[in-house]
Amino acid sequence: MFVDRAEIIVRSGDGGNGCVAFRREKYVPRGGPDGGDGGRGGSVRLRASHNLTTLLDVARRSVYRAESGRPGSGKNCTGRSGHDLTIEMPCGTLVRRLPDGVLLGDLSADGAEMVVARGGRGGRGNRSFATATHQTPHEWEPGEPGEEVRLELELKLIADVGLVGLPNAGKSTLLGRVSSARPKVAEYPFTTIAPHLGIAEMDLERRLVIADLPGLIEGAHLGVGLGIEFLKHVERTRILVHLVAADGGDAAALARHHDTIAAELEAYSRELAAKPRLVCLSKADLLPPEEAGRLARALSERIAAPVSPISGATGAGLRDLLERLWRAVRRARDGAAG
């Protein structure tokens, strides 16, 4: 099950109490105070991991607690500190504090960590209160309480390529053809109801992470259909592949289909609409090669952008598409690094 939103409560450990004790040994008169300090409470950390692609495991629990510190003891022994608690999150998780919604961090890189609740400091034992004029202190400090924080977690998938288009445009078929992902494919709209990630292995040194997203319809940015729930996942892709199905009518009808998706991307986010985009005429196997080529050229003229005919069913045109995507992703990466 794909889960991209969760609310959890994290609580760091309390600090251990300080100890009141006095040294009592034979032949050691007036040994003095030797009560140790309490241990520090454990902190709660979040860590990004590329091994996770959903917040499902995190959402199974509502409360996460770190271990509290142990109290100090005699012979000036400091209590053991509580173990920190590390919660693994999928890369691309946004962490907000509730109820004010303040963004605490963005776990976008594998291995990135952040502390969301710090453990309480251990209290001082009576040994720490001894002075030249106060040699038998009975004072001690309780440990500081840990922090309790309510968090909202929101996952935005990170992929090199995002597939967009109307329902039944062939996105899932394409992803299943170029990767080992097995999204659901059927002859009815909204087959895909959750994003799927796949990895296209081009060779030993080159691979592309591709995200198949639920089909968008007109008004998706306002909450119509499923699109608004998943448009956020497109924001972090470097390149968009816009699929227009060849069985959608003539060039004029296909141009309207293209413009519907383009308008939804623009309405949701200007940054999203400005991303590099490759337009493909999908399901080209349903037409004779010459007719598919003519339809692609006619659509290209209407939308003023190159259009490549491809087929997820037969694999036609996919190798060339992956090579173009690799070059485009490299340019996007180089631009982001610069």
C-alpha atoms as a PDB file:
ATOM      1  CA  MET A   1       0.000   0.000   0.000  1.00  0.00           C
ATOM      2  CA  PHE A   2       1.282   3.455  -0.911  1.00  0.00           C
ATOM      3  CA  VAL A   3       1.027   6.016   1.919  1.00  0.00           C
ATOM      4  CA  ASP A   4       2.363   9.524   1.358  1.00  0.00           C
ATOM      5  CA  ARG A   5       1.045  11.285   4.474  1.00  0.00           C
ATOM      6  CA  ALA A   6       1.214  10.446   8.171  1.00  0.00           C
ATOM      7  CA  GLU A   7       0.989  12.074  11.591  1.00  0.00           C
ATOM      8  CA  ILE A   8       3.071  10.775  14.464  1.00  0.00           C
ATOM      9  CA  ILE A   9       4.018  11.848  17.981  1.00  0.00           C
ATOM     10  CA  VAL A  10       7.665  11.590  18.993  1.00  0.00           C
ATOM     11  CA  ARG A  11       8.892  11.827  22.563  1.00  0.00           C
ATOM     12  CA  SER A  12      12.508  12.019  23.610  1.00  0.00           C
ATOM     13  CA  GLY A  13      13.716  10.395  26.813  1.00  0.00           C
ATOM     14  CA  ASP A  14      13.722  12.103  30.206  1.00  0.00           C
ATOM     15  CA  GLY A  15      17.024  12.820  31.864  1.00  0.00           C
ATOM     16  CA  GLY A  16      17.912  10.684  34.884  1.00  0.00           C
ATOM     17  CA  ASN A  17      17.747  12.138  38.386  1.00  0.00           C
ATOM     18  CA  GLY A  18      20.866  13.082  40.270  1.00  0.00           C
ATOM     19  CA  CYS A  19      21.849  11.035  43.313  1.00  0.00           C
ATOM     20  CA  VAL A  20      22.423  11.963  46.967  1.00  0.00           C
ATOM     21  CA  ALA A  21      25.107   9.709  48.457  1.00  0.00           C
ATOM     22  CA  PHE A  22      28.121   9.958  50.759  1.00  0.00           C
ATOM     23  CA  ARG A  23      31.310   7.995  50.728  1.00  0.00           C
ATOM     24  CA  ARG A  24      31.340   5.456  53.552  1.00  0.00           C
ATOM     25  CA  GLU A  25      34.515   3.392  53.742  1.00  0.00           C
ATOM     26  CA  LYS A  26      36.605   2.040  56.594  1.00  0.00           C
ATOM     27  CA  TYR A  27      39.525   4.291  57.475  1.00  0.00           C
ATOM     28  CA  VAL A  28      38.105   7.104  55.318  1.00  0.00           C
ATOM     29  CA  PRO A  29      36.511   9.536  57.743  1.00  0.00           C
ATOM     30  CA  ARG A  30      34.336  12.282  56.316  1.00  0.00           C
ATOM     31  CA  GLY A  31      34.472  10.777  52.850  1.00  0.00           C
ATOM     32  CA  GLY A  32      32.227  13.495  51.531  1.00  0.00           C
ATOM     33  CA  PRO A  33      29.474  13.514  48.936  1.00  0.00           C
ATOM     34  CA  ASP A  34      29.787  11.159  45.959  1.00  0.00           C
ATOM     35  CA  GLY A  35      26.317  11.139  44.372  1.00  0.00           C
ATOM     36  CA  GLY A  36      26.605  10.939  40.575  1.00  0.00           C
ATOM     37  CA  ASP A  37      24.702  12.783  37.862  1.00  0.00           C
ATOM     38  CA  GLY A  38      21.777  11.307  35.976  1.00  0.00           C
ATOM     39  CA  GLY A  39      22.168  10.152  32.395  1.00  0.00           C
ATOM     40  CA  ARG A  40      20.965  12.082  29.363  1.00  0.00           C
ATOM     41  CA  GLY A  41      17.679  11.040  27.788  1.00  0.00           C
ATOM     42  CA  GLY A  42      17.716   9.625  24.276  1.00  0.00           C
ATOM     43  CA  SER A  43      16.883  11.888  21.326  1.00  0.00           C
ATOM     44  CA  VAL A  44      14.596  11.086  18.397  1.00  0.00           C
ATOM     45  CA  ARG A  45      16.119  11.328  14.918  1.00  0.00           C
ATOM     46  CA  LEU A  46      14.671  10.954  11.434  1.00  0.00           C
ATOM     47  CA  ARG A  47      16.872   9.469   8.713  1.00  0.00           C
ATOM     48  CA  ALA A  48      16.208   9.286   4.971  1.00  0.00           C
ATOM     49  CA  SER A  49      16.636   5.879   3.361  1.00  0.00           C
ATOM     50  CA  HIS A  50      16.465   4.993  -0.330  1.00  0.00           C
ATOM     51  CA  ASN A  51      15.225   1.535   0.673  1.00  0.00           C
ATOM     52  CA  LEU A  52      11.788   2.959   1.539  1.00  0.00           C
ATOM     53  CA  THR A  53       9.272   4.313  -0.972  1.00  0.00           C
ATOM     54  CA  THR A  54       6.226   4.838   1.265  1.00  0.00           C
ATOM     55  CA  LEU A  55       5.326   6.046   4.746  1.00  0.00           C
ATOM     56  CA  LEU A  56       3.299   2.902   5.393  1.00  0.00           C
ATOM     57  CA  ASP A  57       5.697   1.420   7.952  1.00  0.00           C
ATOM     58  CA  VAL A  58       6.015   4.725   9.795  1.00  0.00           C
ATOM     59  CA  ALA A  59       2.249   5.229   9.921  1.00  0.00           C
ATOM     60  CA  ARG A  60       1.681   1.850  11.588  1.00  0.00           C
ATOM     61  CA  ARG A  61       2.648   3.434  14.920  1.00  0.00           C
ATOM     62  CA  SER A  62       1.293   6.694  16.274  1.00  0.00           C
ATOM     63  CA  VAL A  63       3.784   7.296  19.109  1.00  0.00           C
ATOM     64  CA  TYR A  64       7.568   6.868  19.106  1.00  0.00           C
ATOM     65  CA  ARG A  65       9.519   7.096  22.365  1.00  0.00           C
ATOM     66  CA  ALA A  66      13.243   7.224  22.990  1.00  0.00           C
ATOM     67  CA  GLU A  67      14.763   5.682  26.101  1.00  0.00           C
ATOM     68  CA  SER A  68      15.079   7.757  29.266  1.00  0.00           C
ATOM     69  CA  GLY A  69      18.372   8.217  31.076  1.00  0.00           C
ATOM     70  CA  ARG A  70      19.118   6.258  34.232  1.00  0.00           C
ATOM     71  CA  PRO A  71      19.568   7.974  37.609  1.00  0.00           C
ATOM     72  CA  GLY A  72      23.010   8.553  39.049  1.00  0.00           C
ATOM     73  CA  SER A  73      24.352   6.421  41.888  1.00  0.00           C
ATOM     74  CA  GLY A  74      26.943   6.446  44.646  1.00  0.00           C
ATOM     75  CA  LYS A  75      30.697   6.405  44.148  1.00  0.00           C
ATOM     76  CA  ASN A  76      30.179   9.340  41.780  1.00  0.00           C
ATOM     77  CA  CYS A  77      28.722   7.052  39.083  1.00  0.00           C
ATOM     78  CA  THR A  78      26.849   8.800  36.290  1.00  0.00           C
ATOM     79  CA  GLY A  79      23.670   7.076  35.143  1.00  0.00           C
ATOM     80  CA  ARG A  80      23.601   5.457  31.726  1.00  0.00           C
ATOM     81  CA  SER A  81      22.314   7.690  28.943  1.00  0.00           C
ATOM     82  CA  GLY A  82      19.204   6.592  27.072  1.00  0.00           C
ATOM     83  CA  HIS A  83      19.601   5.209  23.574  1.00  0.00           C
ATOM     84  CA  ASP A  84      18.651   7.532  20.739  1.00  0.00           C
ATOM     85  CA  LEU A  85      15.732   6.434  18.561  1.00  0.00           C
ATOM     86  CA  THR A  86      16.235   6.669  14.788  1.00  0.00           C
ATOM     87  CA  ILE A  87      13.162   6.439  12.540  1.00  0.00           C
ATOM     88  CA  GLU A  88      13.832   5.737   8.864  1.00  0.00           C
ATOM     89  CA  MET A  89      11.872   7.703   6.275  1.00  0.00           C
ATOM     90  CA  PRO A  90      11.719   7.469   2.487  1.00  0.00           C
ATOM     91  CA  CYS A  91      13.799  10.031   0.626  1.00  0.00           C
ATOM     92  CA  GLY A  92      11.697  13.086  -0.195  1.00  0.00           C
ATOM     93  CA  THR A  93       9.867  13.322   3.143  1.00  0.00           C
ATOM     94  CA  LEU A  94       8.900  16.790   4.351  1.00  0.00           C
ATOM     95  CA  VAL A  95       8.692  17.123   8.136  1.00  0.00           C
ATOM     96  CA  ARG A  96       6.353  19.725   9.638  1.00  0.00           C
ATOM     97  CA  ARG A  97       5.601  20.503  13.277  1.00  0.00           C
ATOM     98  CA  LEU A  98       1.985  20.546  14.349  1.00  0.00           C
ATOM     99  CA  PRO A  99      -0.193  22.385  15.037  1.00  0.00           C
ATOM    100  CA  ASP A 100       1.586  25.450  13.584  1.00  0.00           C
ATOM    101  CA  GLY A 101       2.785  23.651  10.429  1.00  0.00           C
ATOM    102  CA  VAL A 102       6.357  24.958  10.608  1.00  0.00           C
ATOM    103  CA  LEU A 103       8.632  23.103   8.175  1.00  0.00           C
ATOM    104  CA  LEU A 104      11.390  21.484  10.234  1.00  0.00           C
ATOM    105  CA  GLY A 105      13.290  19.787   7.440  1.00  0.00           C
ATOM    106  CA  ASP A 106      13.378  18.114   4.059  1.00  0.00           C
ATOM    107  CA  LEU A 107      14.877  14.623   3.996  1.00  0.00           C
ATOM    108  CA  SER A 108      15.679  14.623   0.303  1.00  0.00           C
ATOM    109  CA  ALA A 109      19.093  12.901   0.250  1.00  0.00           C
ATOM    110  CA  ASP A 110      19.794   9.309   1.211  1.00  0.00           C
ATOM    111  CA  GLY A 111      21.298   9.194   4.696  1.00  0.00           C
ATOM    112  CA  ALA A 112      20.214  12.733   5.632  1.00  0.00           C
ATOM    113  CA  GLU A 113      19.347  13.044   9.325  1.00  0.00           C
ATOM    114  CA  MET A 114      17.625  15.513  11.575  1.00  0.00           C
ATOM    115  CA  VAL A 115      16.882  15.624  15.312  1.00  0.00           C
ATOM    116  CA  VAL A 116      13.205  16.330  15.982  1.00  0.00           C
ATOM    117  CA  ALA A 117      13.168  15.852  19.778  1.00  0.00           C
ATOM    118  CA  ARG A 118      16.215  16.250  22.015  1.00  0.00           C
ATOM    119  CA  GLY A 119      16.649  14.149  25.100  1.00  0.00           C
ATOM    120  CA  GLY A 120      16.403  15.769  28.524  1.00  0.00           C
ATOM    121  CA  ARG A 121      19.598  16.642  30.388  1.00  0.00           C
ATOM    122  CA  GLY A 122      20.449  14.494  33.380  1.00  0.00           C
ATOM    123  CA  GLY A 123      20.148  16.077  36.823  1.00  0.00           C
ATOM    124  CA  ARG A 124      23.213  16.780  38.966  1.00  0.00           C
ATOM    125  CA  GLY A 125      24.025  14.659  41.994  1.00  0.00           C
ATOM    126  CA  ASN A 126      25.088  16.104  45.344  1.00  0.00           C
ATOM    127  CA  ARG A 127      28.771  15.733  44.424  1.00  0.00           C
ATOM    128  CA  SER A 128      28.318  18.654  42.026  1.00  0.00           C
ATOM    129  CA  PHE A 129      27.055  20.930  44.813  1.00  0.00           C
ATOM    130  CA  ALA A 130      30.057  20.478  47.112  1.00  0.00           C
ATOM    131  CA  THR A 131      32.092  23.618  47.850  1.00  0.00           C
ATOM    132  CA  ALA A 132      34.731  24.600  50.379  1.00  0.00           C
ATOM    133  CA  THR A 133      32.058  26.043  52.639  1.00  0.00           C
ATOM    134  CA  HIS A 134      29.320  23.523  51.865  1.00  0.00           C
ATOM    135  CA  GLN A 135      31.016  20.173  52.208  1.00  0.00           C
ATOM    136  CA  THR A 136      28.017  17.920  52.929  1.00  0.00           C
ATOM    137  CA  PRO A 137      25.367  18.989  50.407  1.00  0.00           C
ATOM    138  CA  HIS A 138      22.091  17.130  50.261  1.00  0.00           C
ATOM    139  CA  GLU A 139      20.916  18.964  47.164  1.00  0.00           C
ATOM    140  CA  TRP A 140      20.282  17.144  43.913  1.00  0.00           C
ATOM    141  CA  GLU A 141      18.534  17.893  40.625  1.00  0.00           C
ATOM    142  CA  PRO A 142      15.808  15.970  38.863  1.00  0.00           C
ATOM    143  CA  GLY A 143      16.415  15.147  35.229  1.00  0.00           C
ATOM    144  CA  GLU A 144      14.929  17.432  32.615  1.00  0.00           C
ATOM    145  CA  PRO A 145      11.829  16.051  30.892  1.00  0.00           C
ATOM    146  CA  GLY A 146      12.076  15.049  27.267  1.00  0.00           C
ATOM    147  CA  GLU A 147      10.353  16.851  24.416  1.00  0.00           C
ATOM    148  CA  GLU A 148       7.082  15.724  22.893  1.00  0.00           C
ATOM    149  CA  VAL A 149       6.441  16.860  19.340  1.00  0.00           C
ATOM    150  CA  ARG A 150       3.586  16.089  16.976  1.00  0.00           C
ATOM    151  CA  LEU A 151       4.793  15.780  13.394  1.00  0.00           C
ATOM    152  CA  GLU A 152       3.150  15.782   9.993  1.00  0.00           C
ATOM    153  CA  LEU A 153       5.068  13.764   7.413  1.00  0.00           C
ATOM    154  CA  GLU A 154       4.493  14.320   3.713  1.00  0.00           C
ATOM    155  CA  LEU A 155       6.237  12.303   1.044  1.00  0.00           C
ATOM    156  CA  LYS A 156       7.098  13.787  -2.329  1.00  0.00           C
ATOM    157  CA  LEU A 157       8.639  11.123  -4.511  1.00  0.00           C
ATOM    158  CA  ILE A 158      12.057  11.851  -5.984  1.00  0.00           C
ATOM    159  CA  ALA A 159      12.507  10.504  -9.504  1.00  0.00           C
ATOM    160  CA  ASP A 160      14.460  11.419 -12.611  1.00  0.00           C
ATOM    161  CA  VAL A 161      11.430  11.101 -14.895  1.00  0.00           C
ATOM    162  CA  GLY A 162       7.725  11.621 -14.232  1.00  0.00           C
ATOM    163  CA  LEU A 163       5.060  10.208 -16.566  1.00  0.00           C
ATOM    164  CA  VAL A 164       1.991  12.422 -16.986  1.00  0.00           C
ATOM    165  CA  GLY A 165      -1.071  12.262 -19.169  1.00  0.00           C
ATOM    166  CA  LEU A 166      -4.788  11.607 -19.238  1.00  0.00           C
ATOM    167  CA  PRO A 167      -6.131   8.352 -17.784  1.00  0.00           C
ATOM    168  CA  ASN A 168      -5.358   5.326 -19.996  1.00  0.00           C
ATOM    169  CA  ALA A 169      -2.594   7.168 -21.835  1.00  0.00           C
ATOM    170  CA  GLY A 170      -0.278   4.158 -21.489  1.00  0.00           C
ATOM    171  CA  LYS A 171       1.890   5.336 -18.585  1.00  0.00           C
ATOM    172  CA  SER A 172       1.745   2.079 -16.618  1.00  0.00           C
ATOM    173  CA  THR A 173       2.405  -0.008 -19.714  1.00  0.00           C
ATOM    174  CA  LEU A 174       5.446   2.121 -20.505  1.00  0.00           C
ATOM    175  CA  LEU A 175       6.817   1.814 -16.968  1.00  0.00           C
ATOM    176  CA  GLY A 176       6.311  -1.943 -16.960  1.00  0.00           C
ATOM    177  CA  ARG A 177       8.099  -2.233 -20.307  1.00  0.00           C
ATOM    178  CA  VAL A 178      11.257  -0.299 -19.402  1.00  0.00           C
ATOM    179  CA  SER A 179      11.600  -1.465 -15.776  1.00  0.00           C
ATOM    180  CA  SER A 180      10.817  -4.382 -13.481  1.00  0.00           C
ATOM    181  CA  ALA A 181       7.899  -2.495 -11.913  1.00  0.00           C
ATOM    182  CA  ARG A 182       4.510  -4.160 -12.292  1.00  0.00           C
ATOM    183  CA  PRO A 183       1.816  -1.478 -12.055  1.00  0.00           C
ATOM    184  CA  LYS A 184      -1.781  -2.470 -12.701  1.00  0.00           C
ATOM    185  CA  VAL A 185      -2.841  -2.210 -16.357  1.00  0.00           C
ATOM    186  CA  ALA A 186      -6.471  -2.394 -17.488  1.00  0.00           C
ATOM    187  CA  GLU A 187      -8.866  -1.057 -20.114  1.00  0.00           C
ATOM    188  CA  TYR A 188     -10.618   1.474 -17.896  1.00  0.00           C
ATOM    189  CA  PRO A 189      -9.747   4.943 -16.543  1.00  0.00           C
ATOM    190  CA  PHE A 190      -7.887   5.472 -13.266  1.00  0.00           C
ATOM    191  CA  THR A 191      -6.252   2.039 -13.287  1.00  0.00           C
ATOM    192  CA  THR A 192      -3.377   3.643 -11.396  1.00  0.00           C
ATOM    193  CA  ILE A 193      -4.574   4.972  -8.047  1.00  0.00           C
ATOM    194  CA  ALA A 194      -1.141   5.337  -6.426  1.00  0.00           C
ATOM    195  CA  PRO A 195       2.275   6.340  -7.787  1.00  0.00           C
ATOM    196  CA  HIS A 196       4.668   3.599  -8.841  1.00  0.00           C
ATOM    197  CA  LEU A 197       8.441   3.838  -9.077  1.00  0.00           C
ATOM    198  CA  GLY A 198      10.519   1.835 -11.526  1.00  0.00           C
ATOM    199  CA  ILE A 199      14.191   1.774 -12.451  1.00  0.00           C
ATOM    200  CA  ALA A 200      15.137   1.603 -16.126  1.00  0.00           C
ATOM    201  CA  GLU A 201      18.549  -0.089 -16.350  1.00  0.00           C
ATOM    202  CA  MET A 202      20.057   1.193 -19.595  1.00  0.00           C
ATOM    203  CA  ASP A 203      23.439  -0.449 -19.024  1.00  0.00           C
ATOM    204  CA  LEU A 204      25.804  -1.211 -16.144  1.00  0.00           C
ATOM    205  CA  GLU A 205      26.491   2.464 -15.436  1.00  0.00           C
ATOM    206  CA  ARG A 206      23.294   4.234 -16.442  1.00  0.00           C
ATOM    207  CA  ARG A 207      19.868   4.010 -14.890  1.00  0.00           C
ATOM    208  CA  LEU A 208      16.793   6.208 -14.649  1.00  0.00           C
ATOM    209  CA  VAL A 209      14.250   6.314 -11.817  1.00  0.00           C
ATOM    210  CA  ILE A 210      10.810   6.713 -13.393  1.00  0.00           C
ATOM    211  CA  ALA A 211       7.564   7.576 -11.599  1.00  0.00           C
ATOM    212  CA  ASP A 212       4.199   6.509 -13.011  1.00  0.00           C
ATOM    213  CA  LEU A 213       1.543   8.855 -11.638  1.00  0.00           C
ATOM    214  CA  PRO A 214      -2.249   8.567 -11.669  1.00  0.00           C
ATOM    215  CA  GLY A 215      -3.939  10.095 -14.690  1.00  0.00           C
ATOM    216  CA  LEU A 216      -4.837  13.770 -14.567  1.00  0.00           C
ATOM    217  CA  ILE A 217      -8.082  15.273 -15.772  1.00  0.00           C
ATOM    218  CA  GLU A 218      -9.323  18.816 -16.201  1.00  0.00           C
ATOM    219  CA  GLY A 219      -9.623  20.506 -12.815  1.00  0.00           C
ATOM    220  CA  ALA A 220      -7.084  18.207 -11.117  1.00  0.00           C
ATOM    221  CA  HIS A 221      -5.370  21.177  -9.427  1.00  0.00           C
ATOM    222  CA  LEU A 222      -8.723  21.996  -7.767  1.00  0.00           C
ATOM    223  CA  GLY A 223      -9.284  18.492  -6.459  1.00  0.00           C
ATOM    224  CA  VAL A 224     -11.129  16.887  -9.383  1.00  0.00           C
ATOM    225  CA  GLY A 225     -10.291  13.216  -9.865  1.00  0.00           C
ATOM    226  CA  LEU A 226      -7.126  11.804  -8.304  1.00  0.00           C
ATOM    227  CA  GLY A 227      -4.624  14.264  -9.683  1.00  0.00           C
ATOM    228  CA  ILE A 228      -4.342  16.799  -6.868  1.00  0.00           C
ATOM    229  CA  GLU A 229      -3.190  14.062  -4.474  1.00  0.00           C
ATOM    230  CA  PHE A 230      -0.271  13.201  -6.726  1.00  0.00           C
ATOM    231  CA  LEU A 231       0.691  16.377  -8.581  1.00  0.00           C
ATOM    232  CA  LYS A 232       3.058  17.048  -5.671  1.00  0.00           C
ATOM    233  CA  HIS A 233       5.041  13.957  -6.615  1.00  0.00           C
ATOM    234  CA  VAL A 234       5.761  15.435 -10.053  1.00  0.00           C
ATOM    235  CA  GLU A 235       7.376  18.485  -8.463  1.00  0.00           C
ATOM    236  CA  ARG A 236      10.601  16.627  -7.669  1.00  0.00           C
ATOM    237  CA  THR A 237      11.101  14.952 -11.013  1.00  0.00           C
ATOM    238  CA  ARG A 238      13.749  16.381 -13.307  1.00  0.00           C
ATOM    239  CA  ILE A 239      12.045  15.604 -16.617  1.00  0.00           C
ATOM    240  CA  LEU A 240       8.395  15.044 -17.559  1.00  0.00           C
ATOM    241  CA  VAL A 241       7.252  12.649 -20.258  1.00  0.00           C
ATOM    242  CA  HIS A 242       3.833  13.722 -21.471  1.00  0.00           C
ATOM    243  CA  LEU A 243       1.978  10.810 -23.074  1.00  0.00           C
ATOM    244  CA  VAL A 244      -0.822  11.462 -25.553  1.00  0.00           C
ATOM    245  CA  ALA A 245      -2.615   8.286 -26.649  1.00  0.00           C
ATOM    246  CA  ALA A 246      -2.861   7.706 -30.400  1.00  0.00           C
ATOM    247  CA  ASP A 247      -6.361   6.252 -30.030  1.00  0.00           C
ATOM    248  CA  GLY A 248      -7.730   9.577 -28.760  1.00  0.00           C
ATOM    249  CA  GLY A 249      -8.869  10.885 -32.179  1.00  0.00           C
ATOM    250  CA  ASP A 250      -7.386  13.171 -34.825  1.00  0.00           C
ATOM    251  CA  ALA A 251      -4.579  15.704 -34.353  1.00  0.00           C
ATOM    252  CA  ALA A 252      -6.975  18.417 -33.161  1.00  0.00           C
ATOM    253  CA  ALA A 253      -8.437  16.176 -30.434  1.00  0.00           C
ATOM    254  CA  LEU A 254      -4.974  15.039 -29.335  1.00  0.00           C
ATOM    255  CA  ALA A 255      -3.828  18.654 -29.147  1.00  0.00           C
ATOM    256  CA  ARG A 256      -6.747  19.387 -26.815  1.00  0.00           C
ATOM    257  CA  HIS A 257      -5.754  16.414 -24.666  1.00  0.00           C
ATOM    258  CA  HIS A 258      -2.185  17.744 -24.528  1.00  0.00           C
ATOM    259  CA  ASP A 259      -3.328  21.258 -23.643  1.00  0.00           C
ATOM    260  CA  THR A 260      -5.559  19.948 -20.814  1.00  0.00           C
ATOM    261  CA  ILE A 261      -2.590  18.402 -19.003  1.00  0.00           C
ATOM    262  CA  ALA A 262      -0.332  21.369 -19.738  1.00  0.00           C
ATOM    263  CA  ALA A 263      -2.934  23.742 -18.270  1.00  0.00           C
ATOM    264  CA  GLU A 264      -3.250  21.625 -15.106  1.00  0.00           C
ATOM    265  CA  LEU A 265       0.513  21.642 -14.583  1.00  0.00           C
ATOM    266  CA  GLU A 266       0.591  25.413 -15.066  1.00  0.00           C
ATOM    267  CA  ALA A 267      -2.328  25.970 -12.684  1.00  0.00           C
ATOM    268  CA  TYR A 268      -0.725  23.829  -9.988  1.00  0.00           C
ATOM    269  CA  SER A 269       2.754  25.328 -10.156  1.00  0.00           C
ATOM    270  CA  ARG A 270       4.660  27.529 -12.562  1.00  0.00           C
ATOM    271  CA  GLU A 271       7.861  25.752 -11.605  1.00  0.00           C
ATOM    272  CA  LEU A 272       6.242  22.461 -12.490  1.00  0.00           C
ATOM    273  CA  ALA A 273       5.074  23.759 -15.852  1.00  0.00           C
ATOM    274  CA  ALA A 274       8.592  25.040 -16.588  1.00  0.00           C
ATOM    275  CA  LYS A 275      10.230  21.629 -16.211  1.00  0.00           C
ATOM    276  CA  PRO A 276      11.739  20.085 -19.372  1.00  0.00           C
ATOM    277  CA  ARG A 277       9.112  17.967 -21.073  1.00  0.00           C
ATOM    278  CA  LEU A 278       9.156  15.352 -23.816  1.00  0.00           C
ATOM    279  CA  VAL A 279       5.890  14.685 -25.635  1.00  0.00           C
ATOM    280  CA  CYS A 280       5.242  11.168 -26.912  1.00  0.00           C
ATOM    281  CA  LEU A 281       2.451   9.704 -29.013  1.00  0.00           C
ATOM    282  CA  SER A 282       1.759   6.525 -27.040  1.00  0.00           C
ATOM    283  CA  LYS A 283      -0.054   3.385 -28.249  1.00  0.00           C
ATOM    284  CA  ALA A 284       1.423   3.922 -31.710  1.00  0.00           C
ATOM    285  CA  ASP A 285       1.080   0.164 -32.302  1.00  0.00           C
ATOM    286  CA  LEU A 286      -2.666   0.692 -32.768  1.00  0.00           C
ATOM    287  CA  LEU A 287      -1.988   2.509 -36.058  1.00  0.00           C
ATOM    288  CA  PRO A 288      -0.008   1.581 -39.167  1.00  0.00           C
ATOM    289  CA  PRO A 289       3.558   3.015 -38.898  1.00  0.00           C
ATOM    290  CA  GLU A 290       2.985   5.567 -41.667  1.00  0.00           C
ATOM    291  CA  GLU A 291      -0.249   6.833 -40.104  1.00  0.00           C
ATOM    292  CA  ALA A 292       1.337   7.014 -36.638  1.00  0.00           C
ATOM    293  CA  GLY A 293       4.182   9.076 -38.087  1.00  0.00           C
ATOM    294  CA  ARG A 294       1.783  11.455 -39.842  1.00  0.00           C
ATOM    295  CA  LEU A 295      -0.301  11.866 -36.668  1.00  0.00           C
ATOM    296  CA  ALA A 296       2.808  12.592 -34.613  1.00  0.00           C
ATOM    297  CA  ARG A 297       3.935  15.267 -37.116  1.00  0.00           C
ATOM    298  CA  ALA A 298       0.463  16.836 -37.192  1.00  0.00           C
ATOM    299  CA  LEU A 299       0.320  16.952 -33.398  1.00  0.00           C
ATOM    300  CA  SER A 300       3.827  18.419 -33.293  1.00  0.00           C
ATOM    301  CA  GLU A 301       2.748  21.286 -35.550  1.00  0.00           C
ATOM    302  CA  ARG A 302      -0.291  22.059 -33.407  1.00  0.00           C
ATOM    303  CA  ILE A 303       1.543  22.129 -30.055  1.00  0.00           C
ATOM    304  CA  ALA A 304       4.814  23.549 -31.435  1.00  0.00           C
ATOM    305  CA  ALA A 305       6.928  20.815 -29.835  1.00  0.00           C
ATOM    306  CA  PRO A 306       8.568  17.617 -31.086  1.00  0.00           C
ATOM    307  CA  VAL A 307       6.422  14.482 -30.731  1.00  0.00           C
ATOM    308  CA  SER A 308       7.833  10.943 -30.822  1.00  0.00           C
ATOM    309  CA  PRO A 309       5.610   7.926 -31.553  1.00  0.00           C
ATOM    310  CA  ILE A 310       6.220   5.061 -29.090  1.00  0.00           C
ATOM    311  CA  SER A 311       4.596   1.818 -28.034  1.00  0.00           C
ATOM    312  CA  GLY A 312       4.780   0.372 -24.539  1.00  0.00           C
ATOM    313  CA  ALA A 313       3.236  -2.852 -25.856  1.00  0.00           C
ATOM    314  CA  THR A 314       5.780  -3.572 -28.616  1.00  0.00           C
ATOM    315  CA  GLY A 315       8.706  -1.481 -27.344  1.00  0.00           C
ATOM    316  CA  ALA A 316       8.906   0.579 -30.516  1.00  0.00           C
ATOM    317  CA  GLY A 317      10.744   3.863 -29.992  1.00  0.00           C
ATOM    318  CA  LEU A 318      11.525   3.191 -26.312  1.00  0.00           C
ATOM    319  CA  ARG A 319      15.286   2.801 -26.635  1.00  0.00           C
ATOM    320  CA  ASP A 320      15.558   6.150 -28.397  1.00  0.00           C
ATOM    321  CA  LEU A 321      13.260   7.705 -25.770  1.00  0.00           C
ATOM    322  CA  LEU A 322      15.449   6.425 -22.902  1.00  0.00           C
ATOM    323  CA  GLU A 323      18.580   7.815 -24.574  1.00  0.00           C
ATOM    324  CA  ARG A 324      16.917  11.229 -24.963  1.00  0.00           C
ATOM    325  CA  LEU A 325      15.766  11.103 -21.362  1.00  0.00           C
ATOM    326  CA  TRP A 326      19.260  10.233 -20.152  1.00  0.00           C
ATOM    327  CA  ARG A 327      20.744  13.221 -21.983  1.00  0.00           C
ATOM    328  CA  ALA A 328      18.005  15.511 -20.668  1.00  0.00           C
ATOM    329  CA  VAL A 329      18.441  14.261 -17.099  1.00  0.00           C
ATOM    330  CA  ARG A 330      22.200  14.802 -17.329  1.00  0.00           C
ATOM    331  CA  ARG A 331      21.632  18.391 -18.445  1.00  0.00           C
ATOM    332  CA  ALA A 332      19.153  18.938 -15.609  1.00  0.00           C
ATOM    333  CA  ARG A 333      21.578  17.486 -13.068  1.00  0.00           C
ATOM    334  CA  ASP A 334      24.442  19.609 -14.349  1.00  0.00           C
ATOM    335  CA  GLY A 335      22.246  22.711 -14.220  1.00  0.00           C
ATOM    336  CA  ALA A 336      21.192  21.978 -10.627  1.00  0.00           C
ATOM    337  CA  ALA A 337      24.821  21.409  -9.592  1.00  0.00           C
ATOM    338  CA  GLY A 338      25.898  24.661 -11.221  1.00  0.00           C
END
